Amino acid sequence: MADHGFTTTFATARTAALAATLGLAAASWVIAVWQMHGMDMGVATRLGSFAFFIAVWVVMMAAMMLPGAAPAVLRRAQASGGVRAVPLFIGSYLAVWALVGAALYALYRPHGPVAAGAVTIVAGVYEFTPVKRHFRRRCRDSVRSGFGFGLCCAGSSIGLMLMLVALGVMSVTWMSVIALLVLAQKLLPAKAAVDVPLALAIAGLGICIVLAPSSIPGLVPPM
């Protein structure tokens, strides 16, 4: 009887943790789309003030990253015996992405399609590196803290994030594409039959941008 009660409580805690994580992600999508409305100027996008950008960026990261982080959140809830550790785990996880956003803000400048294409090519090449494979594998392992998990996920997804920033940091379309790629890479095991064509496709997109930027809708704002 006691075991049954414990099992029921544990299942309820897992359900609550999952619902909270996915609910926050869904709400973040709504807020991000609202915040980004009318701001996408492709490679010429300006970030606005630091406070505004960080607020938008953290909401974007919550929307994009939390669905793929759900298994780690559940593991943390299981390890801690309940959902009380989940807010701290998610908060420290998003803190890592806030730091990434601060670094990107300091480095970012409105740029041209050649720079965007070059960054996209680099993102494709990064997919082949041992560093990428290491951090992607770590994203699927048990990590004790949200901060540590965030560092692993940042290492795994940094190429895709740079690609997002280069192509249109306020683009809902590119945000959606990158979010799907990140989610797939977090939840699915690495397979060369999928990963290699994807990396080549990203690099190929970068080459296409350099050679024919007008072929990519929304990349270059109309004159």
N, C-alpha and C. Protein backbone atom coordinates (compact mmCIF):
# COMPACT_ATOMS: atom_id res chain seq x y z
N MET A 1 0.83 -1.20 0.00
CA MET A 1 0.00 0.00 0.00
C MET A 1 0.87 1.26 0.00
N ALA A 2 1.92 1.22 0.83
CA ALA A 2 2.84 2.36 0.91
C ALA A 2 3.57 2.53 -0.41
N ASP A 3 3.98 1.39 -1.01
CA ASP A 3 4.67 1.47 -2.30
C ASP A 3 3.77 2.05 -3.36
N HIS A 4 2.49 1.67 -3.32
CA HIS A 4 1.54 2.20 -4.30
C HIS A 4 1.39 3.71 -4.13
N GLY A 5 1.34 4.17 -2.88
CA GLY A 5 1.22 5.60 -2.63
C GLY A 5 2.45 6.36 -3.10
N PHE A 6 3.62 5.77 -2.87
CA PHE A 6 4.86 6.41 -3.32
C PHE A 6 4.90 6.49 -4.84
N THR A 7 4.49 5.39 -5.50
CA THR A 7 4.48 5.38 -6.96
C THR A 7 3.54 6.43 -7.52
N THR A 8 2.37 6.56 -6.90
CA THR A 8 1.39 7.55 -7.35
C THR A 8 1.93 8.96 -7.16
N THR A 9 2.56 9.21 -6.01
CA THR A 9 3.13 10.54 -5.75
C THR A 9 4.24 10.86 -6.74
N PHE A 10 5.08 9.87 -7.01
CA PHE A 10 6.18 10.08 -7.95
C PHE A 10 5.65 10.36 -9.35
N ALA A 11 4.62 9.61 -9.77
CA ALA A 11 4.03 9.83 -11.10
C ALA A 11 3.41 11.22 -11.18
N THR A 12 2.78 11.64 -10.10
CA THR A 12 2.18 12.98 -10.07
C THR A 12 3.25 14.06 -10.17
N ALA A 13 4.37 13.84 -9.47
CA ALA A 13 5.46 14.82 -9.52
C ALA A 13 6.04 14.91 -10.93
N ARG A 14 6.23 13.77 -11.58
CA ARG A 14 6.75 13.77 -12.96
C ARG A 14 5.79 14.49 -13.89
N THR A 15 4.51 14.22 -13.73
CA THR A 15 3.51 14.87 -14.58
C THR A 15 3.52 16.37 -14.37
N ALA A 16 3.61 16.80 -13.11
CA ALA A 16 3.62 18.23 -12.80
C ALA A 16 4.87 18.90 -13.37
N ALA A 17 6.02 18.22 -13.25
CA ALA A 17 7.27 18.78 -13.78
C ALA A 17 7.21 18.91 -15.29
N LEU A 18 6.70 17.87 -15.95
CA LEU A 18 6.59 17.91 -17.41
C LEU A 18 5.62 18.98 -17.86
N ALA A 19 4.47 19.06 -17.19
CA ALA A 19 3.46 20.06 -17.56
C ALA A 19 3.99 21.47 -17.37
N ALA A 20 4.71 21.69 -16.28
CA ALA A 20 5.26 23.02 -16.01
C ALA A 20 6.30 23.40 -17.06
N THR A 21 7.16 22.45 -17.42
CA THR A 21 8.21 22.73 -18.40
C THR A 21 7.62 23.03 -19.77
N LEU A 22 6.73 22.18 -20.24
CA LEU A 22 6.14 22.39 -21.56
C LEU A 22 5.19 23.58 -21.57
N GLY A 23 4.51 23.80 -20.45
CA GLY A 23 3.63 24.97 -20.36
C GLY A 23 4.41 26.27 -20.45
N LEU A 24 5.56 26.31 -19.75
CA LEU A 24 6.42 27.49 -19.83
C LEU A 24 6.95 27.69 -21.24
N ALA A 25 7.33 26.60 -21.90
CA ALA A 25 7.81 26.70 -23.27
C ALA A 25 6.73 27.24 -24.20
N ALA A 26 5.50 26.73 -24.06
CA ALA A 26 4.40 27.18 -24.91
C ALA A 26 4.10 28.66 -24.68
N ALA A 27 4.07 29.08 -23.41
CA ALA A 27 3.83 30.49 -23.11
C ALA A 27 4.94 31.36 -23.66
N SER A 28 6.17 30.85 -23.61
CA SER A 28 7.32 31.61 -24.13
C SER A 28 7.22 31.79 -25.64
N TRP A 29 6.73 30.78 -26.34
CA TRP A 29 6.53 30.92 -27.78
C TRP A 29 5.56 32.06 -28.08
N VAL A 30 4.46 32.11 -27.36
CA VAL A 30 3.47 33.17 -27.58
C VAL A 30 4.09 34.54 -27.34
N ILE A 31 4.80 34.67 -26.22
CA ILE A 31 5.41 35.96 -25.86
C ILE A 31 6.49 36.34 -26.87
N ALA A 32 7.32 35.37 -27.28
CA ALA A 32 8.40 35.65 -28.21
C ALA A 32 7.87 36.13 -29.56
N VAL A 33 6.85 35.46 -30.07
CA VAL A 33 6.27 35.87 -31.35
C VAL A 33 5.72 37.29 -31.24
N TRP A 34 5.08 37.59 -30.12
CA TRP A 34 4.54 38.94 -29.90
C TRP A 34 5.66 39.97 -29.82
N GLN A 35 6.71 39.66 -29.07
CA GLN A 35 7.81 40.61 -28.90
C GLN A 35 8.56 40.86 -30.21
N MET A 36 8.67 39.84 -31.04
CA MET A 36 9.49 39.93 -32.25
C MET A 36 8.71 40.47 -33.45
N HIS A 37 7.44 40.69 -33.29
CA HIS A 37 6.61 41.14 -34.41
C HIS A 37 7.13 42.46 -34.98
N GLY A 38 7.40 42.46 -36.29
CA GLY A 38 7.85 43.65 -36.98
C GLY A 38 9.31 43.99 -36.81
N MET A 39 10.07 43.17 -36.10
CA MET A 39 11.48 43.48 -35.84
C MET A 39 12.45 42.78 -36.79
N ASP A 40 11.97 41.79 -37.53
CA ASP A 40 12.86 41.02 -38.38
C ASP A 40 13.25 41.81 -39.63
N MET A 41 14.53 42.14 -39.72
CA MET A 41 15.08 42.80 -40.90
C MET A 41 16.21 41.95 -41.51
N GLY A 42 16.14 40.65 -41.29
CA GLY A 42 17.16 39.77 -41.84
C GLY A 42 18.53 40.09 -41.28
N VAL A 43 19.52 40.18 -42.16
CA VAL A 43 20.89 40.44 -41.72
C VAL A 43 21.07 41.85 -41.20
N ALA A 44 20.12 42.74 -41.49
CA ALA A 44 20.21 44.14 -41.04
C ALA A 44 19.48 44.38 -39.72
N THR A 45 19.02 43.31 -39.07
CA THR A 45 18.27 43.46 -37.82
C THR A 45 19.12 44.14 -36.75
N ARG A 46 18.51 45.11 -36.07
CA ARG A 46 19.17 45.76 -34.94
C ARG A 46 18.58 45.21 -33.64
N LEU A 47 19.40 45.14 -32.61
CA LEU A 47 19.00 44.46 -31.38
C LEU A 47 18.32 45.35 -30.37
N GLY A 48 18.40 46.65 -30.53
CA GLY A 48 17.82 47.54 -29.54
C GLY A 48 18.69 47.61 -28.29
N SER A 49 18.09 48.02 -27.18
CA SER A 49 18.86 48.15 -25.94
C SER A 49 19.22 46.78 -25.40
N PHE A 50 20.23 46.76 -24.53
CA PHE A 50 20.66 45.50 -23.95
C PHE A 50 19.55 44.86 -23.13
N ALA A 51 18.85 45.66 -22.33
CA ALA A 51 17.78 45.11 -21.49
C ALA A 51 16.68 44.50 -22.35
N PHE A 52 16.31 45.19 -23.42
CA PHE A 52 15.26 44.67 -24.30
C PHE A 52 15.71 43.37 -24.95
N PHE A 53 16.94 43.35 -25.47
CA PHE A 53 17.41 42.15 -26.17
C PHE A 53 17.49 40.96 -25.23
N ILE A 54 18.03 41.15 -24.03
CA ILE A 54 18.17 40.03 -23.11
C ILE A 54 16.80 39.49 -22.72
N ALA A 55 15.83 40.39 -22.52
CA ALA A 55 14.49 39.94 -22.19
C ALA A 55 13.90 39.08 -23.31
N VAL A 56 14.06 39.56 -24.55
CA VAL A 56 13.56 38.79 -25.70
C VAL A 56 14.33 37.49 -25.84
N TRP A 57 15.65 37.54 -25.70
CA TRP A 57 16.50 36.38 -25.89
C TRP A 57 16.17 35.27 -24.90
N VAL A 58 16.01 35.61 -23.62
CA VAL A 58 15.72 34.59 -22.62
C VAL A 58 14.37 33.93 -22.91
N VAL A 59 13.39 34.73 -23.32
CA VAL A 59 12.09 34.16 -23.68
C VAL A 59 12.24 33.24 -24.89
N MET A 60 13.03 33.65 -25.88
CA MET A 60 13.30 32.81 -27.04
C MET A 60 13.93 31.49 -26.64
N MET A 61 14.92 31.56 -25.76
CA MET A 61 15.61 30.34 -25.34
C MET A 61 14.68 29.42 -24.56
N ALA A 62 13.81 30.00 -23.74
CA ALA A 62 12.83 29.18 -23.02
C ALA A 62 11.91 28.46 -24.01
N ALA A 63 11.49 29.18 -25.04
CA ALA A 63 10.60 28.59 -26.05
C ALA A 63 11.31 27.50 -26.83
N MET A 64 12.55 27.76 -27.24
CA MET A 64 13.26 26.84 -28.12
C MET A 64 13.87 25.65 -27.39
N MET A 65 14.37 25.89 -26.19
CA MET A 65 15.20 24.89 -25.52
C MET A 65 14.47 24.02 -24.51
N LEU A 66 13.44 24.54 -23.88
CA LEU A 66 12.80 23.77 -22.79
C LEU A 66 12.14 22.48 -23.26
N PRO A 67 11.51 22.42 -24.46
CA PRO A 67 10.96 21.12 -24.86
C PRO A 67 12.01 20.01 -24.90
N GLY A 68 13.19 20.32 -25.43
CA GLY A 68 14.25 19.33 -25.47
C GLY A 68 14.87 19.06 -24.12
N ALA A 69 14.72 20.01 -23.19
CA ALA A 69 15.27 19.83 -21.84
C ALA A 69 14.34 19.05 -20.93
N ALA A 70 13.13 18.76 -21.39
CA ALA A 70 12.14 18.10 -20.54
C ALA A 70 12.65 16.79 -19.93
N PRO A 71 13.34 15.90 -20.69
CA PRO A 71 13.85 14.68 -20.06
C PRO A 71 14.81 14.97 -18.91
N ALA A 72 15.66 15.99 -19.06
CA ALA A 72 16.60 16.34 -17.99
C ALA A 72 15.84 16.90 -16.78
N VAL A 73 14.80 17.67 -17.03
CA VAL A 73 13.98 18.19 -15.93
C VAL A 73 13.33 17.05 -15.16
N LEU A 74 12.82 16.06 -15.89
CA LEU A 74 12.21 14.91 -15.23
C LEU A 74 13.23 14.12 -14.42
N ARG A 75 14.43 13.97 -14.97
CA ARG A 75 15.48 13.27 -14.21
C ARG A 75 15.82 14.02 -12.93
N ARG A 76 15.84 15.36 -13.03
CA ARG A 76 16.14 16.16 -11.85
C ARG A 76 15.03 16.04 -10.82
N ALA A 77 13.78 16.05 -11.28
CA ALA A 77 12.65 15.88 -10.35
C ALA A 77 12.71 14.53 -9.67
N GLN A 78 13.11 13.50 -10.42
CA GLN A 78 13.22 12.16 -9.86
C GLN A 78 14.35 12.09 -8.83
N ALA A 79 15.49 12.71 -9.17
CA ALA A 79 16.64 12.65 -8.27
C ALA A 79 16.39 13.42 -6.98
N SER A 80 15.62 14.50 -7.07
CA SER A 80 15.37 15.33 -5.88
C SER A 80 14.15 14.89 -5.10
N GLY A 81 13.40 13.94 -5.65
CA GLY A 81 12.22 13.43 -4.98
C GLY A 81 10.99 14.30 -5.09
N GLY A 82 10.99 15.23 -6.04
CA GLY A 82 9.82 16.09 -6.21
C GLY A 82 10.09 17.21 -7.18
N VAL A 83 9.12 18.11 -7.26
CA VAL A 83 9.21 19.20 -8.24
C VAL A 83 9.83 20.46 -7.65
N ARG A 84 10.17 20.46 -6.38
CA ARG A 84 10.69 21.69 -5.78
C ARG A 84 12.01 22.13 -6.39
N ALA A 85 12.80 21.19 -6.89
CA ALA A 85 14.08 21.55 -7.48
C ALA A 85 13.96 21.99 -8.93
N VAL A 86 12.79 21.81 -9.52
CA VAL A 86 12.63 22.11 -10.94
C VAL A 86 12.79 23.59 -11.26
N PRO A 87 12.16 24.52 -10.50
CA PRO A 87 12.35 25.94 -10.84
C PRO A 87 13.81 26.37 -10.81
N LEU A 88 14.57 25.91 -9.82
CA LEU A 88 15.99 26.25 -9.75
C LEU A 88 16.74 25.65 -10.93
N PHE A 89 16.41 24.42 -11.30
CA PHE A 89 17.06 23.76 -12.43
C PHE A 89 16.80 24.55 -13.72
N ILE A 90 15.54 24.90 -13.96
CA ILE A 90 15.20 25.63 -15.19
C ILE A 90 15.80 27.03 -15.16
N GLY A 91 15.73 27.69 -13.99
CA GLY A 91 16.27 29.04 -13.88
C GLY A 91 17.75 29.10 -14.15
N SER A 92 18.51 28.16 -13.57
CA SER A 92 19.96 28.15 -13.80
C SER A 92 20.30 27.72 -15.22
N TYR A 93 19.45 26.86 -15.80
CA TYR A 93 19.63 26.47 -17.21
C TYR A 93 19.47 27.68 -18.12
N LEU A 94 18.43 28.45 -17.89
CA LEU A 94 18.21 29.64 -18.72
C LEU A 94 19.24 30.73 -18.43
N ALA A 95 19.82 30.73 -17.23
CA ALA A 95 20.87 31.70 -16.91
C ALA A 95 22.08 31.51 -17.83
N VAL A 96 22.38 30.26 -18.16
CA VAL A 96 23.49 30.01 -19.09
C VAL A 96 23.19 30.65 -20.44
N TRP A 97 21.96 30.48 -20.91
CA TRP A 97 21.60 31.06 -22.20
C TRP A 97 21.55 32.58 -22.13
N ALA A 98 21.23 33.15 -20.96
CA ALA A 98 21.30 34.60 -20.81
C ALA A 98 22.73 35.09 -20.96
N LEU A 99 23.69 34.34 -20.41
CA LEU A 99 25.10 34.70 -20.56
C LEU A 99 25.53 34.61 -22.02
N VAL A 100 25.05 33.57 -22.72
CA VAL A 100 25.33 33.45 -24.15
C VAL A 100 24.76 34.66 -24.89
N GLY A 101 23.55 35.04 -24.54
CA GLY A 101 22.93 36.19 -25.18
C GLY A 101 23.70 37.47 -24.92
N ALA A 102 24.22 37.64 -23.71
CA ALA A 102 25.01 38.84 -23.40
C ALA A 102 26.27 38.89 -24.26
N ALA A 103 26.91 37.73 -24.44
CA ALA A 103 28.11 37.69 -25.29
C ALA A 103 27.77 38.01 -26.74
N LEU A 104 26.66 37.46 -27.22
CA LEU A 104 26.24 37.73 -28.59
C LEU A 104 25.91 39.21 -28.78
N TYR A 105 25.27 39.81 -27.79
CA TYR A 105 24.93 41.23 -27.89
C TYR A 105 26.20 42.08 -28.03
N ALA A 106 27.22 41.71 -27.25
CA ALA A 106 28.47 42.47 -27.29
C ALA A 106 29.17 42.34 -28.65
N LEU A 107 29.02 41.20 -29.30
CA LEU A 107 29.73 40.93 -30.55
C LEU A 107 28.91 41.29 -31.79
N TYR A 108 27.61 41.36 -31.65
CA TYR A 108 26.74 41.48 -32.82
C TYR A 108 26.81 42.87 -33.46
N ARG A 109 26.78 42.88 -34.78
CA ARG A 109 26.61 44.09 -35.56
C ARG A 109 25.72 43.76 -36.75
N PRO A 110 24.86 44.70 -37.18
CA PRO A 110 24.17 44.46 -38.45
C PRO A 110 25.20 44.17 -39.54
N HIS A 111 24.93 43.23 -40.40
CA HIS A 111 25.95 42.74 -41.30
C HIS A 111 25.33 42.45 -42.67
N GLY A 112 26.15 41.92 -43.56
CA GLY A 112 25.68 41.61 -44.89
C GLY A 112 25.52 40.12 -45.11
N PRO A 113 25.03 39.74 -46.29
CA PRO A 113 24.80 38.31 -46.56
C PRO A 113 26.09 37.48 -46.61
N VAL A 114 27.20 38.09 -46.99
CA VAL A 114 28.45 37.33 -47.02
C VAL A 114 28.82 36.87 -45.61
N ALA A 115 28.72 37.78 -44.65
CA ALA A 115 29.01 37.41 -43.25
C ALA A 115 28.03 36.36 -42.76
N ALA A 116 26.74 36.53 -43.10
CA ALA A 116 25.73 35.55 -42.69
C ALA A 116 26.03 34.18 -43.29
N GLY A 117 26.41 34.17 -44.56
CA GLY A 117 26.74 32.91 -45.22
C GLY A 117 27.96 32.25 -44.60
N ALA A 118 28.96 33.07 -44.27
CA ALA A 118 30.18 32.52 -43.67
C ALA A 118 29.88 31.89 -42.31
N VAL A 119 29.07 32.56 -41.50
CA VAL A 119 28.71 32.01 -40.19
C VAL A 119 27.93 30.71 -40.35
N THR A 120 27.05 30.66 -41.34
CA THR A 120 26.26 29.45 -41.58
C THR A 120 27.16 28.30 -42.02
N ILE A 121 28.14 28.58 -42.84
CA ILE A 121 29.11 27.55 -43.24
C ILE A 121 29.86 27.03 -42.02
N VAL A 122 30.30 27.94 -41.17
CA VAL A 122 30.99 27.54 -39.93
C VAL A 122 30.08 26.68 -39.07
N ALA A 123 28.80 27.04 -38.99
CA ALA A 123 27.85 26.24 -38.21
C ALA A 123 27.74 24.83 -38.77
N GLY A 124 27.74 24.70 -40.09
CA GLY A 124 27.71 23.38 -40.70
C GLY A 124 28.95 22.57 -40.40
N VAL A 125 30.11 23.22 -40.47
CA VAL A 125 31.37 22.54 -40.17
C VAL A 125 31.41 22.11 -38.71
N TYR A 126 30.89 22.96 -37.82
CA TYR A 126 30.90 22.64 -36.38
C TYR A 126 30.15 21.34 -36.10
N GLU A 127 29.12 21.04 -36.90
CA GLU A 127 28.36 19.81 -36.70
C GLU A 127 29.24 18.56 -36.83
N PHE A 128 30.36 18.66 -37.55
CA PHE A 128 31.24 17.51 -37.75
C PHE A 128 32.27 17.33 -36.64
N THR A 129 32.41 18.33 -35.76
CA THR A 129 33.55 18.33 -34.84
C THR A 129 33.33 17.41 -33.64
N PRO A 130 34.43 16.89 -33.07
CA PRO A 130 34.32 16.09 -31.83
C PRO A 130 33.72 16.89 -30.67
N VAL A 131 33.96 18.20 -30.64
CA VAL A 131 33.39 19.03 -29.58
C VAL A 131 31.87 18.98 -29.62
N LYS A 132 31.32 19.10 -30.83
CA LYS A 132 29.87 19.01 -30.98
C LYS A 132 29.36 17.66 -30.51
N ARG A 133 30.01 16.59 -30.93
CA ARG A 133 29.56 15.24 -30.54
C ARG A 133 29.64 15.05 -29.04
N HIS A 134 30.71 15.58 -28.42
CA HIS A 134 30.88 15.43 -26.98
C HIS A 134 29.74 16.10 -26.23
N PHE A 135 29.45 17.36 -26.56
CA PHE A 135 28.42 18.08 -25.83
C PHE A 135 27.03 17.55 -26.15
N ARG A 136 26.82 17.09 -27.37
CA ARG A 136 25.51 16.50 -27.69
C ARG A 136 25.29 15.25 -26.86
N ARG A 137 26.32 14.45 -26.70
CA ARG A 137 26.20 13.24 -25.87
C ARG A 137 25.96 13.61 -24.41
N ARG A 138 26.65 14.65 -23.94
CA ARG A 138 26.47 15.08 -22.56
C ARG A 138 25.06 15.59 -22.30
N CYS A 139 24.41 16.16 -23.32
CA CYS A 139 23.04 16.64 -23.17
C CYS A 139 22.07 15.50 -22.89
N ARG A 140 22.47 14.29 -23.23
CA ARG A 140 21.60 13.13 -23.01
C ARG A 140 21.97 12.38 -21.74
N ASP A 141 23.05 12.79 -21.08
CA ASP A 141 23.48 12.15 -19.84
C ASP A 141 22.80 12.83 -18.65
N SER A 142 22.94 12.21 -17.50
CA SER A 142 22.43 12.81 -16.27
C SER A 142 23.37 13.93 -15.83
N VAL A 143 22.83 15.13 -15.68
CA VAL A 143 23.60 16.28 -15.23
C VAL A 143 22.95 16.78 -13.96
N ARG A 144 23.75 17.04 -12.93
CA ARG A 144 23.18 17.33 -11.62
C ARG A 144 22.54 18.70 -11.54
N SER A 145 23.08 19.69 -12.23
CA SER A 145 22.58 21.05 -12.09
C SER A 145 22.08 21.59 -13.42
N GLY A 146 21.15 22.56 -13.33
CA GLY A 146 20.68 23.21 -14.53
C GLY A 146 21.79 23.99 -15.21
N PHE A 147 22.69 24.57 -14.41
CA PHE A 147 23.80 25.32 -14.99
C PHE A 147 24.71 24.40 -15.79
N GLY A 148 25.03 23.24 -15.23
CA GLY A 148 25.87 22.28 -15.94
C GLY A 148 25.20 21.76 -17.19
N PHE A 149 23.91 21.49 -17.10
CA PHE A 149 23.17 21.04 -18.26
C PHE A 149 23.12 22.13 -19.32
N GLY A 150 22.96 23.38 -18.88
CA GLY A 150 22.95 24.49 -19.82
C GLY A 150 24.27 24.63 -20.55
N LEU A 151 25.37 24.44 -19.85
CA LEU A 151 26.68 24.52 -20.50
C LEU A 151 26.83 23.45 -21.57
N CYS A 152 26.36 22.23 -21.27
CA CYS A 152 26.43 21.14 -22.25
C CYS A 152 25.56 21.45 -23.47
N CYS A 153 24.36 21.96 -23.23
CA CYS A 153 23.46 22.27 -24.34
C CYS A 153 23.97 23.44 -25.16
N ALA A 154 24.58 24.42 -24.49
CA ALA A 154 25.16 25.53 -25.22
C ALA A 154 26.30 25.05 -26.11
N GLY A 155 27.13 24.15 -25.59
CA GLY A 155 28.21 23.60 -26.39
C GLY A 155 27.70 22.81 -27.58
N SER A 156 26.58 22.12 -27.40
CA SER A 156 26.01 21.33 -28.48
C SER A 156 25.34 22.21 -29.54
N SER A 157 24.68 23.28 -29.11
CA SER A 157 23.82 24.05 -30.02
C SER A 157 24.40 25.40 -30.43
N ILE A 158 25.61 25.72 -30.02
CA ILE A 158 26.14 27.06 -30.27
C ILE A 158 26.25 27.36 -31.76
N GLY A 159 26.60 26.37 -32.57
CA GLY A 159 26.67 26.60 -34.01
C GLY A 159 25.32 26.99 -34.58
N LEU A 160 24.28 26.27 -34.17
CA LEU A 160 22.93 26.58 -34.64
C LEU A 160 22.47 27.94 -34.13
N MET A 161 22.84 28.31 -32.90
CA MET A 161 22.47 29.61 -32.36
C MET A 161 23.15 30.74 -33.13
N LEU A 162 24.43 30.55 -33.47
CA LEU A 162 25.14 31.56 -34.26
C LEU A 162 24.49 31.70 -35.64
N MET A 163 24.06 30.59 -36.19
CA MET A 163 23.36 30.60 -37.47
C MET A 163 22.07 31.41 -37.36
N LEU A 164 21.32 31.21 -36.28
CA LEU A 164 20.09 31.97 -36.06
C LEU A 164 20.38 33.46 -36.00
N VAL A 165 21.38 33.83 -35.21
CA VAL A 165 21.72 35.25 -35.06
C VAL A 165 22.17 35.85 -36.39
N ALA A 166 22.93 35.08 -37.16
CA ALA A 166 23.44 35.60 -38.43
C ALA A 166 22.35 35.77 -39.47
N LEU A 167 21.39 34.86 -39.50
CA LEU A 167 20.37 34.89 -40.55
C LEU A 167 19.20 35.80 -40.22
N GLY A 168 18.91 35.98 -38.96
CA GLY A 168 17.80 36.84 -38.56
C GLY A 168 17.39 36.55 -37.15
N VAL A 169 18.02 37.21 -36.20
CA VAL A 169 17.83 36.88 -34.80
C VAL A 169 16.39 37.15 -34.33
N MET A 170 15.67 37.99 -35.05
CA MET A 170 14.28 38.26 -34.71
C MET A 170 13.31 37.61 -35.69
N SER A 171 13.77 36.61 -36.40
CA SER A 171 12.94 35.91 -37.38
C SER A 171 12.25 34.72 -36.72
N VAL A 172 10.93 34.73 -36.72
CA VAL A 172 10.17 33.61 -36.17
C VAL A 172 10.40 32.36 -37.01
N THR A 173 10.56 32.54 -38.32
CA THR A 173 10.77 31.39 -39.20
C THR A 173 12.07 30.68 -38.87
N TRP A 174 13.17 31.43 -38.79
CA TRP A 174 14.46 30.80 -38.47
C TRP A 174 14.47 30.28 -37.04
N MET A 175 13.80 30.97 -36.15
CA MET A 175 13.69 30.49 -34.77
C MET A 175 13.01 29.13 -34.74
N SER A 176 11.95 28.97 -35.52
CA SER A 176 11.23 27.70 -35.56
C SER A 176 12.09 26.58 -36.14
N VAL A 177 12.81 26.89 -37.22
CA VAL A 177 13.66 25.89 -37.87
C VAL A 177 14.74 25.41 -36.91
N ILE A 178 15.43 26.37 -36.28
CA ILE A 178 16.51 26.02 -35.36
C ILE A 178 15.96 25.26 -34.15
N ALA A 179 14.79 25.67 -33.67
CA ALA A 179 14.19 24.98 -32.52
C ALA A 179 13.92 23.52 -32.84
N LEU A 180 13.44 23.24 -34.04
CA LEU A 180 13.18 21.84 -34.43
C LEU A 180 14.47 21.05 -34.51
N LEU A 181 15.52 21.65 -35.05
CA LEU A 181 16.81 20.95 -35.14
C LEU A 181 17.36 20.66 -33.76
N VAL A 182 17.29 21.65 -32.87
CA VAL A 182 17.79 21.46 -31.50
C VAL A 182 17.01 20.37 -30.79
N LEU A 183 15.69 20.40 -30.94
CA LEU A 183 14.84 19.39 -30.28
C LEU A 183 15.19 17.99 -30.78
N ALA A 184 15.35 17.84 -32.09
CA ALA A 184 15.68 16.53 -32.66
C ALA A 184 17.03 16.04 -32.14
N GLN A 185 18.00 16.94 -32.07
CA GLN A 185 19.34 16.53 -31.64
C GLN A 185 19.39 16.20 -30.16
N LYS A 186 18.51 16.79 -29.37
CA LYS A 186 18.49 16.48 -27.94
C LYS A 186 17.80 15.16 -27.66
N LEU A 187 16.75 14.86 -28.42
CA LEU A 187 15.93 13.71 -28.11
C LEU A 187 16.31 12.45 -28.89
N LEU A 188 16.91 12.61 -30.06
CA LEU A 188 17.22 11.46 -30.91
C LEU A 188 18.70 11.10 -30.80
N PRO A 189 19.03 9.83 -30.85
CA PRO A 189 20.44 9.43 -30.83
C PRO A 189 21.16 9.89 -32.10
N ALA A 190 22.44 10.15 -31.96
CA ALA A 190 23.24 10.58 -33.11
C ALA A 190 23.35 9.45 -34.13
N LYS A 191 23.09 9.76 -35.39
CA LYS A 191 23.22 8.81 -36.48
C LYS A 191 23.86 9.50 -37.66
N ALA A 192 24.96 8.95 -38.14
CA ALA A 192 25.68 9.58 -39.24
C ALA A 192 24.80 9.72 -40.48
N ALA A 193 23.89 8.78 -40.68
CA ALA A 193 23.03 8.82 -41.86
C ALA A 193 22.13 10.05 -41.87
N VAL A 194 21.89 10.61 -40.68
CA VAL A 194 21.07 11.83 -40.58
C VAL A 194 21.94 13.06 -40.35
N ASP A 195 22.91 12.93 -39.47
CA ASP A 195 23.70 14.08 -39.05
C ASP A 195 24.60 14.62 -40.17
N VAL A 196 25.20 13.73 -40.94
CA VAL A 196 26.11 14.19 -42.00
C VAL A 196 25.35 14.94 -43.09
N PRO A 197 24.24 14.41 -43.63
CA PRO A 197 23.49 15.20 -44.62
C PRO A 197 23.00 16.54 -44.06
N LEU A 198 22.61 16.56 -42.78
CA LEU A 198 22.16 17.81 -42.19
C LEU A 198 23.29 18.83 -42.14
N ALA A 199 24.47 18.39 -41.70
CA ALA A 199 25.62 19.30 -41.65
C ALA A 199 25.98 19.81 -43.03
N LEU A 200 25.94 18.92 -44.01
CA LEU A 200 26.23 19.33 -45.39
C LEU A 200 25.18 20.31 -45.90
N ALA A 201 23.92 20.08 -45.52
CA ALA A 201 22.85 20.98 -45.94
C ALA A 201 23.04 22.38 -45.34
N ILE A 202 23.45 22.44 -44.08
CA ILE A 202 23.69 23.74 -43.44
C ILE A 202 24.84 24.46 -44.13
N ALA A 203 25.94 23.74 -44.37
CA ALA A 203 27.06 24.36 -45.07
C ALA A 203 26.66 24.78 -46.48
N GLY A 204 25.87 23.95 -47.15
CA GLY A 204 25.39 24.28 -48.49
C GLY A 204 24.52 25.52 -48.48
N LEU A 205 23.69 25.66 -47.44
CA LEU A 205 22.88 26.87 -47.31
C LEU A 205 23.77 28.10 -47.19
N GLY A 206 24.84 27.97 -46.41
CA GLY A 206 25.77 29.09 -46.27
C GLY A 206 26.40 29.48 -47.60
N ILE A 207 26.79 28.49 -48.39
CA ILE A 207 27.37 28.77 -49.71
C ILE A 207 26.35 29.45 -50.61
N CYS A 208 25.12 28.97 -50.55
CA CYS A 208 24.04 29.57 -51.34
C CYS A 208 23.81 31.02 -50.95
N ILE A 209 23.88 31.30 -49.66
CA ILE A 209 23.69 32.67 -49.19
C ILE A 209 24.79 33.58 -49.72
N VAL A 210 26.03 33.09 -49.70
CA VAL A 210 27.14 33.90 -50.19
C VAL A 210 27.00 34.18 -51.69
N LEU A 211 26.61 33.16 -52.45
CA LEU A 211 26.57 33.28 -53.90
C LEU A 211 25.29 33.94 -54.40
N ALA A 212 24.18 33.68 -53.74
CA ALA A 212 22.89 34.20 -54.23
C ALA A 212 21.99 34.55 -53.05
N PRO A 213 22.31 35.61 -52.31
CA PRO A 213 21.54 35.94 -51.11
C PRO A 213 20.07 36.25 -51.40
N SER A 214 19.77 36.74 -52.60
CA SER A 214 18.39 37.08 -52.92
C SER A 214 17.50 35.85 -53.04
N SER A 215 18.11 34.66 -53.11
CA SER A 215 17.33 33.43 -53.22
C SER A 215 16.78 32.98 -51.87
N ILE A 216 17.22 33.59 -50.79
CA ILE A 216 16.76 33.24 -49.44
C ILE A 216 15.75 34.30 -48.99
N PRO A 217 14.46 33.97 -48.93
CA PRO A 217 13.44 34.96 -48.57
C PRO A 217 13.71 35.58 -47.21
N GLY A 218 13.58 36.91 -47.15
CA GLY A 218 13.69 37.62 -45.88
C GLY A 218 15.09 37.86 -45.40
N LEU A 219 16.09 37.37 -46.10
CA LEU A 219 17.47 37.53 -45.63
C LEU A 219 17.94 38.98 -45.77
N VAL A 220 17.66 39.56 -46.92
CA VAL A 220 18.06 40.94 -47.20
C VAL A 220 16.81 41.81 -47.26
N PRO A 221 16.71 42.84 -46.43
CA PRO A 221 15.50 43.68 -46.45
C PRO A 221 15.35 44.38 -47.79
N PRO A 222 14.11 44.61 -48.23
CA PRO A 222 13.89 45.31 -49.49
C PRO A 222 14.41 46.73 -49.43
N MET A 223 14.93 47.19 -50.54
CA MET A 223 15.49 48.54 -50.62
C MET A 223 14.35 49.57 -50.70
